[in-house]
Amino acid sequence: MSSKFSLIEAQVINQSLKNVALETGIVLQRSAFSPNIRDRLDFSSAIMDHRGRLIAQAEHIPVHLGAMPEGVKALIKYFGKDNIKDGDIYIANNPYLGGTHLPDIAVVKPIFFDKILVGYIANRCHHADVGGVVPGSMPSGKYTLDEEGFVINPTILERDGVLNQEWFDYFLDNIRVPAERKGDIQAQLASTKIGEKKFHALLKKYSLERVQKIIDFLNERSRNASLELVRTIPENEIITYTDYMDNDGVREEPIAITAEVQRKGDKLIVDYTKTDPQVEGNINAPYAVTLSATYYILRCLVSRDYATNYGLYETLEVKTKKGTLVDPEPPAGVAAGNVETSQRITDVMIGSFAQLFPDEVPAASSGTMNNIIIGGVNPKGIQFTYYETIAGGIGAGKDYTPPNAKHSHMTNTRNTSVEVLERYYPLRIHEYSIIPNTGGSGKWKGSNGVRRSVELLAETAMLSIQSERREHAPFGLLGGEAGSKGRNILRQDGESIHLPAKVTKDIKKGDIIIIETPGGGGYDKD
């Protein structure tokens, strides 16, 4: 076989690699137990090379995917590259070791071919509960990482097909709804094994040497595309943008996230060192999450004709300061940093790059995942934990009027259908509707948010909400107006009580929780 290859063959290999990640995700979805993974698709799959660098991913959830290589690199460092063994499968969720937040559990399988370590298959799933002081493991308030839930440093979950039963039993003994967690993790294990088989089949068909050469070519091609974009930016001109988190769930004070964007030669520097210090509330974003949100804007600006891989991001340098909101030090809590602060970092990137590429960058979308968690014991005496993120409005762009009620940016999940939700949980949906006129006005109008009303049917439960854009509205661009702010309401004993953006509280049978999500910002003057 000739060592030369065409661009067509390279694209075939690229699509084949993406399909390996995609098929592992399909296996995971079909095998999963929980509605959050099986129905909402709150999971991601990717392939890394032997050094932990991204070579392919499925089009799953950006906040998972951008952080995935950091988790694999941390695993390699934790065990030592010479101690990575064929037949091992690892599990981890520590946000300070390449994780995102504790509910996001990663399962990683090293791939050996002809006794050579060639890469890693990894997936990451959001589990509806991983222990901690509050059902759902995403409490609002002043909590350390250990209080949020069960922390998993990189651990051997399986060796040569034999499950680490002692560790697994200990884990299941320390969380809620263990049968559901057990089934979901077994689905994660199975999907990595399918991924290994698919990757092996690809290497056997084309040869390891040929696939590796094409992977190198694809990375260089993506790097050059990224470099071409970077070189359109004026050199040494500093672009600054600041946006704010509403609060941290402890103090009613906004927290600033500031980025300075600058091109130096062939490097694009994104500097977050002027961001506010880490906070008591658990909205701190681990470094891997900050990377994810920063990578995302570059991925959006570079044509989809180029593969998503480590080459795409080699032109980017991300600077942070330890002890800040975007690079906290342990044991700071991070539960909402992954889901809420990641969205604000994305908005800061949008505000920054809109100054450089105004025709390419849209206004702010809802800027929050609108997380709702309800946990307790159902009328049959069985534990339950319901978790969901709720869609919002999308920011408009040049020649673009967006659809209503969509997940955006760092999230990419479905909703839980009313039928599934009411079947699995002691809950009833009273309303699920689009809220008219919540998108910002402009030549191109932002789209509308939604209203979701959920009634508790169990005797009692614990409610947690992690949300944003209740105080600071999603911004418009070029004279377009801001989208509407969101609201959280508790209807209890005939009264409507306005809840803060972040809250954990007891609720009782008959209580109705109403989440109204923000609209997207408008673009250009009307």
Protein backbone atom coordinates (compact mmCIF):
# COMPACT_ATOMS: atom_id res chain seq x y z
CA MET A 1 0.00 0.00 0.00
CA SER A 2 1.38 3.42 -0.97
CA SER A 3 2.34 5.77 1.86
CA LYS A 4 0.67 8.65 -0.05
CA PHE A 5 -2.97 9.46 0.56
CA SER A 6 -5.52 11.86 -0.87
CA LEU A 7 -7.61 14.43 0.95
CA ILE A 8 -10.61 12.21 0.24
CA GLU A 9 -8.98 9.27 2.05
CA ALA A 10 -8.03 11.58 4.93
CA GLN A 11 -11.65 12.70 5.23
CA VAL A 12 -12.80 9.07 5.16
CA ILE A 13 -10.47 8.30 8.09
CA ASN A 14 -11.62 11.44 9.91
CA GLN A 15 -15.26 10.46 9.53
CA SER A 16 -14.45 6.89 10.56
CA LEU A 17 -12.82 8.15 13.76
CA LYS A 18 -15.82 10.36 14.49
CA ASN A 19 -18.08 7.38 13.88
CA VAL A 20 -16.17 5.33 16.46
CA ALA A 21 -16.96 8.04 19.03
CA LEU A 22 -20.53 8.30 17.77
CA GLU A 23 -21.18 4.54 17.93
CA THR A 24 -19.82 4.30 21.47
CA GLY A 25 -22.32 7.00 22.37
CA ILE A 26 -25.18 5.10 20.73
CA VAL A 27 -24.27 1.96 22.71
CA LEU A 28 -24.11 4.03 25.88
CA GLN A 29 -27.52 5.59 25.29
CA ARG A 30 -29.20 2.27 24.49
CA SER A 31 -27.68 0.56 27.52
CA ALA A 32 -28.22 3.34 30.08
CA PHE A 33 -30.79 3.09 32.88
CA SER A 34 -31.47 6.70 33.83
CA PRO A 35 -33.73 9.10 31.90
CA ASN A 36 -31.02 11.75 32.14
CA ILE A 37 -28.61 9.67 30.05
CA ARG A 38 -30.97 7.48 28.03
CA ASP A 39 -33.55 10.14 27.13
CA ARG A 40 -31.85 13.51 27.63
CA LEU A 41 -28.51 12.30 26.16
CA ASP A 42 -26.45 13.94 28.89
CA PHE A 43 -23.21 12.21 27.87
CA SER A 44 -20.25 12.59 25.51
CA SER A 45 -17.69 10.35 23.82
CA ALA A 46 -14.26 11.09 22.37
CA ILE A 47 -10.97 9.51 21.27
CA MET A 48 -7.58 10.72 22.46
CA ASP A 49 -4.10 9.74 21.28
CA HIS A 50 -1.50 8.01 23.47
CA ARG A 51 -0.59 11.37 25.03
CA GLY A 52 -4.18 12.26 25.90
CA ARG A 53 -4.65 14.74 23.04
CA LEU A 54 -7.97 14.91 21.22
CA ILE A 55 -8.12 13.20 17.82
CA ALA A 56 -11.89 12.79 17.32
CA GLN A 57 -15.19 13.38 19.07
CA ALA A 58 -18.89 12.89 18.52
CA GLU A 59 -21.07 15.99 18.38
CA HIS A 60 -22.18 15.67 21.98
CA ILE A 61 -21.83 18.20 24.83
CA PRO A 62 -19.17 20.95 24.50
CA VAL A 63 -18.45 21.35 28.21
CA HIS A 64 -17.73 17.60 28.46
CA LEU A 65 -15.74 17.37 25.25
CA GLY A 66 -13.38 20.30 25.73
CA ALA A 67 -12.43 18.97 29.16
CA MET A 68 -12.09 15.31 28.15
CA PRO A 69 -8.41 15.49 27.10
CA GLU A 70 -7.53 17.19 30.40
CA GLY A 71 -9.07 14.27 32.27
CA VAL A 72 -7.14 11.69 30.26
CA LYS A 73 -3.88 13.63 30.66
CA ALA A 74 -4.49 13.81 34.42
CA LEU A 75 -5.11 10.05 34.49
CA ILE A 76 -1.83 9.37 32.64
CA LYS A 77 0.04 11.61 35.07
CA TYR A 78 -1.72 10.07 38.08
CA PHE A 79 -0.75 6.47 37.23
CA GLY A 80 2.37 7.14 35.15
CA LYS A 81 2.41 6.32 31.44
CA ASP A 82 4.36 3.10 32.01
CA ASN A 83 1.64 1.82 34.35
CA ILE A 84 -1.20 2.11 31.84
CA LYS A 85 -2.07 -1.52 31.06
CA ASP A 86 -3.94 -3.25 28.26
CA GLY A 87 -7.27 -4.49 29.64
CA ASP A 88 -7.60 -1.73 32.24
CA ILE A 89 -10.61 0.59 32.36
CA TYR A 90 -10.48 3.67 34.57
CA ILE A 91 -13.09 5.83 36.27
CA ALA A 92 -12.77 9.41 37.58
CA ASN A 93 -14.73 12.57 38.35
CA ASN A 94 -12.37 14.82 40.37
CA PRO A 95 -12.79 18.36 38.96
CA TYR A 96 -9.27 19.22 40.11
CA LEU A 97 -7.87 16.36 38.03
CA GLY A 98 -9.35 17.20 34.65
CA GLY A 99 -12.99 16.73 35.61
CA THR A 100 -15.90 19.15 35.32
CA HIS A 101 -18.09 18.57 38.39
CA LEU A 102 -18.77 15.48 40.47
CA PRO A 103 -21.95 14.25 38.71
CA ASP A 104 -19.95 14.03 35.47
CA ILE A 105 -18.23 10.64 35.74
CA ALA A 106 -15.68 9.70 33.09
CA VAL A 107 -14.85 6.12 32.09
CA VAL A 108 -11.64 5.72 30.09
CA LYS A 109 -10.20 2.68 28.29
CA PRO A 110 -6.65 2.66 26.90
CA ILE A 111 -6.43 1.20 23.39
CA PHE A 112 -3.53 -1.10 22.58
CA PHE A 113 -2.79 -2.41 19.09
CA ASP A 114 -0.02 -4.97 18.51
CA LYS A 115 0.94 -4.34 22.17
CA ILE A 116 1.43 -0.62 21.48
CA LEU A 117 -0.60 2.02 23.34
CA VAL A 118 -2.22 3.99 20.53
CA GLY A 119 -4.92 5.99 22.30
CA TYR A 120 -7.87 6.16 24.67
CA ILE A 121 -11.63 5.80 24.30
CA ALA A 122 -13.43 7.95 26.87
CA ASN A 123 -16.97 8.88 27.76
CA ARG A 124 -18.42 11.23 30.34
CA CYS A 125 -21.97 11.05 31.71
CA HIS A 126 -23.91 13.28 34.05
CA HIS A 127 -25.27 11.03 36.80
CA ALA A 128 -28.39 12.33 38.54
CA ASP A 129 -26.82 11.72 41.97
CA VAL A 130 -23.34 10.97 43.29
CA GLY A 131 -23.98 11.37 47.01
CA GLY A 132 -23.26 14.43 49.10
CA VAL A 133 -25.41 16.47 51.43
CA VAL A 134 -28.28 17.11 49.01
CA PRO A 135 -30.05 14.89 46.43
CA GLY A 136 -28.65 15.49 42.98
CA SER A 137 -25.20 16.46 44.28
CA MET A 138 -25.64 20.05 43.08
CA PRO A 139 -26.61 22.02 46.19
CA SER A 140 -26.73 25.78 46.14
CA GLY A 141 -24.70 27.58 48.76
CA LYS A 142 -21.49 27.32 50.72
CA TYR A 143 -20.28 23.76 50.15
CA THR A 144 -16.86 22.20 49.69
CA LEU A 145 -16.16 19.59 47.04
CA ASP A 146 -16.42 16.70 49.53
CA GLU A 147 -19.80 17.97 50.71
CA GLU A 148 -21.10 18.12 47.14
CA GLY A 149 -20.65 14.40 46.54
CA PHE A 150 -18.45 11.36 46.09
CA VAL A 151 -15.01 12.34 44.76
CA ILE A 152 -13.37 9.77 42.46
CA ASN A 153 -9.67 10.17 41.87
CA PRO A 154 -8.51 8.14 38.84
CA THR A 155 -9.28 4.53 39.80
CA ILE A 156 -8.98 1.16 38.05
CA LEU A 157 -12.61 0.10 37.61
CA GLU A 158 -11.87 -3.04 35.62
CA ARG A 159 -8.71 -5.08 34.94
CA ASP A 160 -8.63 -7.84 32.31
CA GLY A 161 -12.40 -8.04 32.31
CA VAL A 162 -12.70 -8.32 36.10
CA LEU A 163 -14.65 -5.57 37.84
CA ASN A 164 -13.12 -3.87 40.89
CA GLN A 165 -16.11 -5.05 42.91
CA GLU A 166 -14.89 -3.87 46.31
CA TRP A 167 -14.50 -0.28 45.13
CA PHE A 168 -17.71 -0.36 43.09
CA ASP A 169 -19.76 -1.62 46.05
CA TYR A 170 -18.26 1.10 48.27
CA PHE A 171 -19.22 3.74 45.71
CA LEU A 172 -22.77 2.43 45.40
CA ASP A 173 -23.14 2.36 49.20
CA ASN A 174 -22.43 6.09 49.36
CA ILE A 175 -24.84 7.48 46.78
CA ARG A 176 -28.59 7.68 46.20
CA VAL A 177 -30.50 5.48 43.75
CA PRO A 178 -27.59 3.00 43.48
CA ALA A 179 -29.34 0.63 41.04
CA GLU A 180 -29.61 3.44 38.51
CA ARG A 181 -25.97 4.48 38.96
CA LYS A 182 -24.86 0.86 38.66
CA GLY A 183 -26.69 0.41 35.38
CA ASP A 184 -25.39 3.65 33.91
CA ILE A 185 -21.77 2.93 34.79
CA GLN A 186 -22.07 -0.57 33.35
CA ALA A 187 -23.33 1.10 30.16
CA GLN A 188 -20.28 3.34 30.16
CA LEU A 189 -18.02 0.30 30.53
CA ALA A 190 -19.73 -1.51 27.67
CA SER A 191 -19.47 1.47 25.35
CA THR A 192 -15.70 1.77 25.78
CA LYS A 193 -15.31 -1.90 24.85
CA ILE A 194 -17.34 -1.37 21.69
CA GLY A 195 -15.20 1.67 20.94
CA GLU A 196 -12.06 -0.42 21.28
CA LYS A 197 -13.41 -3.01 18.81
CA LYS A 198 -14.36 -0.33 16.29
CA PHE A 199 -10.97 1.38 16.61
CA HIS A 200 -9.17 -1.94 16.16
CA ALA A 201 -11.22 -2.64 13.02
CA LEU A 202 -10.19 0.71 11.57
CA LEU A 203 -6.50 0.06 12.29
CA LYS A 204 -6.69 -3.42 10.79
CA LYS A 205 -8.32 -2.10 7.63
CA TYR A 206 -5.87 0.74 6.95
CA SER A 207 -2.85 -0.16 9.16
CA LEU A 208 -1.65 1.67 12.26
CA GLU A 209 1.07 3.50 10.36
CA ARG A 210 -1.32 4.84 7.73
CA VAL A 211 -4.00 5.91 10.20
CA GLN A 212 -1.38 7.65 12.33
CA LYS A 213 -0.02 9.56 9.32
CA ILE A 214 -3.51 10.68 8.41
CA ILE A 215 -4.25 11.71 12.01
CA ASP A 216 -1.07 13.81 11.98
CA PHE A 217 -2.15 15.33 8.66
CA LEU A 218 -5.65 16.13 9.96
CA ASN A 219 -4.21 17.82 13.04
CA GLU A 220 -1.83 19.90 10.94
CA ARG A 221 -4.64 20.83 8.58
CA SER A 222 -6.86 21.97 11.48
CA ARG A 223 -3.95 23.87 12.99
CA ASN A 224 -3.37 25.72 9.72
CA ALA A 225 -7.07 26.62 9.48
CA SER A 226 -6.98 27.96 13.03
CA LEU A 227 -3.77 29.83 12.28
CA GLU A 228 -5.33 31.43 9.21
CA LEU A 229 -8.13 32.79 11.42
CA VAL A 230 -5.71 34.01 14.09
CA ARG A 231 -3.62 35.89 11.51
CA THR A 232 -6.64 38.01 10.56
CA ILE A 233 -6.56 39.52 14.06
CA PRO A 234 -4.45 42.70 14.44
CA GLU A 235 -1.29 41.90 16.35
CA ASN A 236 -0.74 43.21 19.91
CA GLU A 237 -4.17 44.88 20.09
CA ILE A 238 -5.86 43.92 23.37
CA ILE A 239 -9.60 43.26 23.27
CA THR A 240 -11.22 43.30 26.73
CA TYR A 241 -14.65 42.14 27.78
CA THR A 242 -16.30 41.61 31.17
CA ASP A 243 -19.58 39.92 32.04
CA TYR A 244 -21.05 38.98 35.40
CA MET A 245 -22.46 36.04 37.29
CA ASP A 246 -25.63 37.11 39.14
CA ASN A 247 -24.25 35.85 42.48
CA ASP A 248 -22.67 32.78 44.06
CA GLY A 249 -25.70 31.57 46.01
CA VAL A 250 -24.21 32.84 49.29
CA ARG A 251 -23.79 36.59 48.79
CA GLU A 252 -26.08 38.73 46.63
CA GLU A 253 -23.16 40.27 44.77
CA PRO A 254 -22.21 39.96 41.09
CA ILE A 255 -18.92 38.25 40.24
CA ALA A 256 -16.92 39.51 37.28
CA ILE A 257 -15.33 37.34 34.61
CA THR A 258 -12.87 39.33 32.50
CA ALA A 259 -10.98 38.25 29.42
CA GLU A 260 -8.23 40.02 27.53
CA VAL A 261 -7.80 38.66 24.01
CA GLN A 262 -4.62 39.40 22.11
CA ARG A 263 -2.70 38.02 19.16
CA LYS A 264 1.04 37.65 19.62
CA GLY A 265 2.65 36.31 16.47
CA ASP A 266 0.93 33.03 15.66
CA LYS A 267 -0.57 32.66 19.13
CA LEU A 268 -3.98 33.79 20.28
CA ILE A 269 -3.75 34.65 23.97
CA VAL A 270 -6.91 34.57 26.10
CA ASP A 271 -6.07 35.97 29.52
CA TYR A 272 -8.53 35.55 32.40
CA THR A 273 -6.18 36.65 35.19
CA LYS A 274 -8.26 39.77 35.98
CA THR A 275 -11.31 37.66 36.84
CA ASP A 276 -12.64 37.94 40.40
CA PRO A 277 -11.32 35.57 43.11
CA GLN A 278 -12.98 32.22 43.77
CA VAL A 279 -16.08 32.43 45.93
CA GLU A 280 -17.70 30.62 48.85
CA GLY A 281 -20.65 29.50 46.76
CA ASN A 282 -20.07 26.54 44.47
CA ILE A 283 -20.04 28.38 41.14
CA ASN A 284 -16.27 28.10 40.78
CA ALA A 285 -15.28 26.71 37.37
CA PRO A 286 -12.43 24.17 37.26
CA TYR A 287 -9.63 24.93 34.82
CA ALA A 288 -10.79 22.17 32.44
CA VAL A 289 -14.21 23.85 32.21
CA THR A 290 -12.61 27.20 31.41
CA LEU A 291 -10.63 25.52 28.64
CA SER A 292 -13.82 23.96 27.25
CA ALA A 293 -15.63 27.28 27.02
CA THR A 294 -12.62 28.96 25.43
CA TYR A 295 -12.04 26.17 22.91
CA TYR A 296 -15.70 26.36 21.97
CA ILE A 297 -15.55 29.85 20.48
CA LEU A 298 -12.55 28.93 18.33
CA ARG A 299 -14.30 25.76 17.14
CA CYS A 300 -17.32 27.87 16.14
CA LEU A 301 -15.25 30.36 14.16
CA VAL A 302 -13.19 27.82 12.20
CA SER A 303 -15.03 26.13 9.33
CA ARG A 304 -16.59 22.74 10.01
CA ASP A 305 -14.66 21.47 6.99
CA TYR A 306 -11.76 21.02 9.41
CA ALA A 307 -11.59 18.24 11.98
CA THR A 308 -12.06 18.93 15.68
CA ASN A 309 -8.77 17.78 17.19
CA TYR A 310 -5.82 19.01 19.21
CA GLY A 311 -4.34 20.75 16.16
CA LEU A 312 -7.30 23.11 16.04
CA TYR A 313 -6.43 24.47 19.48
CA GLU A 314 -2.63 24.61 19.25
CA THR A 315 -2.75 28.29 18.28
CA LEU A 316 -4.60 29.09 21.51
CA GLU A 317 -3.00 29.92 24.86
CA VAL A 318 -5.29 30.25 27.88
CA LYS A 319 -3.99 32.11 30.92
CA THR A 320 -5.64 31.93 34.33
CA LYS A 321 -4.71 32.81 37.87
CA LYS A 322 -4.98 30.19 40.61
CA GLY A 323 -7.58 31.05 43.20
CA THR A 324 -9.91 32.84 40.79
CA LEU A 325 -13.43 31.95 39.73
CA VAL A 326 -12.12 30.34 36.53
CA ASP A 327 -9.27 28.37 38.13
CA PRO A 328 -10.17 27.70 41.78
CA GLU A 329 -8.11 25.88 44.35
CA PRO A 330 -9.49 22.92 46.31
CA PRO A 331 -11.56 22.27 48.27
CA ALA A 332 -13.76 24.95 46.70
CA GLY A 333 -17.15 23.70 45.51
CA VAL A 334 -17.68 23.59 41.74
CA ALA A 335 -21.12 22.02 41.17
CA ALA A 336 -22.53 25.03 39.31
CA GLY A 337 -19.21 26.11 37.84
CA ASN A 338 -19.55 23.44 35.18
CA VAL A 339 -23.13 24.23 34.23
CA GLU A 340 -23.50 27.96 34.91
CA THR A 341 -20.09 29.64 34.99
CA SER A 342 -19.11 27.82 31.80
CA GLN A 343 -21.99 29.60 30.07
CA ARG A 344 -20.81 32.97 31.32
CA ILE A 345 -17.24 32.31 30.18
CA THR A 346 -18.73 31.53 26.77
CA ASP A 347 -20.60 34.85 26.85
CA VAL A 348 -17.36 36.64 27.69
CA MET A 349 -15.78 34.96 24.68
CA ILE A 350 -18.75 36.02 22.53
CA GLY A 351 -18.45 39.60 23.76
CA SER A 352 -14.72 39.58 23.06
CA PHE A 353 -14.78 38.00 19.62
CA ALA A 354 -17.79 40.07 18.51
CA GLN A 355 -15.38 43.01 18.55
CA LEU A 356 -13.11 41.15 16.13
CA PHE A 357 -15.65 39.31 13.96
CA PRO A 358 -18.96 41.23 14.28
CA ASP A 359 -20.51 39.54 11.24
CA GLU A 360 -19.71 36.05 12.52
CA VAL A 361 -20.59 36.21 16.22
CA PRO A 362 -24.20 36.26 17.50
CA ALA A 363 -25.68 38.01 20.52
CA ALA A 364 -25.82 36.25 23.87
CA SER A 365 -28.12 33.27 24.25
CA SER A 366 -29.91 32.48 27.52
CA GLY A 367 -26.57 32.08 29.30
CA THR A 368 -27.74 29.45 31.76
CA MET A 369 -28.63 25.77 31.83
CA ASN A 370 -31.53 26.42 34.24
CA ASN A 371 -30.73 23.35 36.35
CA ILE A 372 -33.54 21.88 38.45
CA ILE A 373 -33.04 18.95 40.82
CA ILE A 374 -35.77 17.34 42.93
CA GLY A 375 -34.91 14.41 45.14
CA GLY A 376 -36.65 12.40 47.82
CA VAL A 377 -38.65 9.21 48.33
CA ASN A 378 -41.58 8.34 46.08
CA PRO A 379 -44.95 7.03 47.39
CA LYS A 380 -43.67 3.44 47.03
CA GLY A 381 -40.81 4.17 49.42
CA ILE A 382 -38.14 4.22 46.70
CA GLN A 383 -35.53 6.97 46.39
CA PHE A 384 -35.67 9.18 43.31
CA THR A 385 -33.58 12.04 41.93
CA TYR A 386 -34.88 14.08 39.02
CA TYR A 387 -32.36 16.27 37.22
CA GLU A 388 -32.88 18.40 34.16
CA THR A 389 -31.56 21.42 32.33
CA ILE A 390 -34.19 23.58 30.66
CA ALA A 391 -33.75 25.27 27.30
CA GLY A 392 -33.90 29.01 26.70
CA GLY A 393 -33.69 31.62 23.98
CA ILE A 394 -30.90 31.87 21.40
CA GLY A 395 -29.01 35.01 20.45
CA ALA A 396 -29.63 36.40 16.97
CA GLY A 397 -26.87 37.03 14.45
CA LYS A 398 -26.39 38.69 11.10
CA ASP A 399 -29.00 37.28 8.69
CA TYR A 400 -30.01 34.82 11.42
CA THR A 401 -33.25 34.66 13.38
CA PRO A 402 -32.85 31.69 15.75
CA PRO A 403 -35.42 29.06 16.77
CA ASN A 404 -37.16 29.26 20.14
CA ALA A 405 -36.47 27.11 23.19
CA LYS A 406 -33.10 25.52 22.48
CA HIS A 407 -30.15 24.39 24.55
CA SER A 408 -27.09 26.39 23.57
CA HIS A 409 -23.33 26.64 23.82
CA MET A 410 -21.95 24.48 26.64
CA THR A 411 -24.97 22.20 26.73
CA ASN A 412 -26.47 20.10 23.95
CA THR A 413 -29.07 17.83 25.53
CA ARG A 414 -32.69 17.02 24.86
CA ASN A 415 -35.49 17.79 27.28
CA THR A 416 -37.09 15.04 29.33
CA SER A 417 -40.40 14.30 27.65
CA VAL A 418 -43.45 14.82 29.82
CA GLU A 419 -44.43 11.17 29.43
CA VAL A 420 -41.04 9.86 30.59
CA LEU A 421 -40.81 12.33 33.46
CA GLU A 422 -44.24 11.51 34.84
CA ARG A 423 -43.65 7.78 34.46
CA TYR A 424 -40.35 7.69 36.34
CA TYR A 425 -40.79 10.37 39.00
CA PRO A 426 -43.53 11.43 41.44
CA LEU A 427 -43.95 14.65 39.47
CA ARG A 428 -46.60 16.18 37.23
CA ILE A 429 -46.03 18.74 34.48
CA HIS A 430 -48.61 21.54 34.51
CA GLU A 431 -47.15 23.67 31.74
CA TYR A 432 -44.40 23.46 29.15
CA SER A 433 -44.64 26.40 26.80
CA ILE A 434 -42.74 29.09 24.92
CA ILE A 435 -42.89 32.50 26.59
CA PRO A 436 -43.68 35.07 23.87
CA ASN A 437 -41.70 38.29 23.45
CA THR A 438 -38.79 37.25 25.65
CA GLY A 439 -36.21 37.48 22.86
CA GLY A 440 -34.38 40.78 22.47
CA SER A 441 -35.57 43.11 19.71
CA GLY A 442 -33.39 44.09 16.78
CA LYS A 443 -33.04 43.85 13.04
CA TRP A 444 -32.70 40.16 13.83
CA LYS A 445 -34.66 39.23 16.94
CA GLY A 446 -33.44 36.86 19.63
CA SER A 447 -35.61 33.83 20.29
CA ASN A 448 -37.88 33.10 23.23
CA GLY A 449 -37.36 31.22 26.46
CA VAL A 450 -39.72 28.65 27.97
CA ARG A 451 -41.86 28.09 31.03
CA ARG A 452 -41.83 24.67 32.72
CA SER A 453 -44.07 24.03 35.73
CA VAL A 454 -43.48 20.91 37.83
CA GLU A 455 -45.69 19.70 40.70
CA LEU A 456 -44.38 17.43 43.46
CA LEU A 457 -46.57 14.38 44.12
CA ALA A 458 -44.42 12.82 46.87
CA GLU A 459 -44.99 13.87 50.48
CA THR A 460 -41.72 15.82 50.73
CA ALA A 461 -38.57 16.39 48.71
CA MET A 462 -35.50 18.57 48.42
CA LEU A 463 -35.37 21.14 45.62
CA SER A 464 -32.19 22.64 44.21
CA ILE A 465 -32.04 25.23 41.44
CA GLN A 466 -28.82 26.42 39.85
CA SER A 467 -29.58 29.17 37.35
CA GLU A 468 -28.31 32.47 36.01
CA ARG A 469 -29.40 35.53 34.03
CA ARG A 470 -31.97 36.38 36.69
CA GLU A 471 -30.22 39.71 37.40
CA HIS A 472 -28.04 40.34 34.33
CA ALA A 473 -29.93 39.89 31.05
CA PRO A 474 -28.44 38.20 27.96
CA PHE A 475 -26.86 41.03 25.98
CA GLY A 476 -27.67 42.11 22.44
CA LEU A 477 -25.09 43.15 19.85
CA LEU A 478 -24.67 46.14 17.54
CA GLY A 479 -27.67 47.92 19.03
CA GLY A 480 -29.87 44.86 19.42
CA GLU A 481 -31.74 44.71 22.73
CA ALA A 482 -31.07 42.29 25.56
CA GLY A 483 -33.17 39.18 26.00
CA SER A 484 -35.54 38.97 28.97
CA LYS A 485 -34.22 37.75 32.30
CA GLY A 486 -35.38 34.44 33.72
CA ARG A 487 -37.43 33.79 36.87
CA ASN A 488 -37.85 30.98 39.40
CA ILE A 489 -41.18 30.74 41.22
CA LEU A 490 -42.55 28.42 43.92
CA ARG A 491 -46.32 28.17 44.11
CA GLN A 492 -47.10 26.97 47.62
CA ASP A 493 -50.37 27.03 49.58
CA GLY A 494 -51.94 29.37 47.03
CA GLU A 495 -49.10 31.88 47.10
CA SER A 496 -46.39 32.57 44.52
CA ILE A 497 -42.94 32.96 46.03
CA HIS A 498 -40.08 34.28 43.92
CA LEU A 499 -36.99 32.14 44.39
CA PRO A 500 -33.42 33.32 43.89
CA ALA A 501 -31.24 32.18 41.00
CA LYS A 502 -29.61 29.60 43.25
CA VAL A 503 -31.51 27.89 46.02
CA THR A 504 -31.77 24.63 47.94
CA LYS A 505 -34.90 24.14 50.04
CA ASP A 506 -37.45 21.62 51.28
CA ILE A 507 -40.70 21.35 49.35
CA LYS A 508 -43.90 19.42 50.01
CA LYS A 509 -46.68 17.63 48.18
CA GLY A 510 -48.67 19.95 45.93
CA ASP A 511 -45.91 22.53 45.57
CA ILE A 512 -45.37 23.71 41.99
CA ILE A 513 -41.97 24.88 40.80
CA ILE A 514 -42.04 27.22 37.81
CA ILE A 515 -38.88 27.89 35.82
CA GLU A 516 -39.04 30.72 33.28
CA THR A 517 -35.89 30.78 31.17
CA PRO A 518 -34.24 33.85 29.60
CA GLY A 519 -34.63 34.90 25.98
CA GLY A 520 -31.78 35.45 23.53
CA GLY A 521 -30.28 38.83 22.71
CA GLY A 522 -31.18 40.76 19.56
CA TYR A 523 -28.73 41.69 16.82
CA ASP A 524 -28.39 45.11 15.13
CA LYS A 525 -30.73 48.06 15.44
CA ASP A 526 -34.30 47.48 14.36
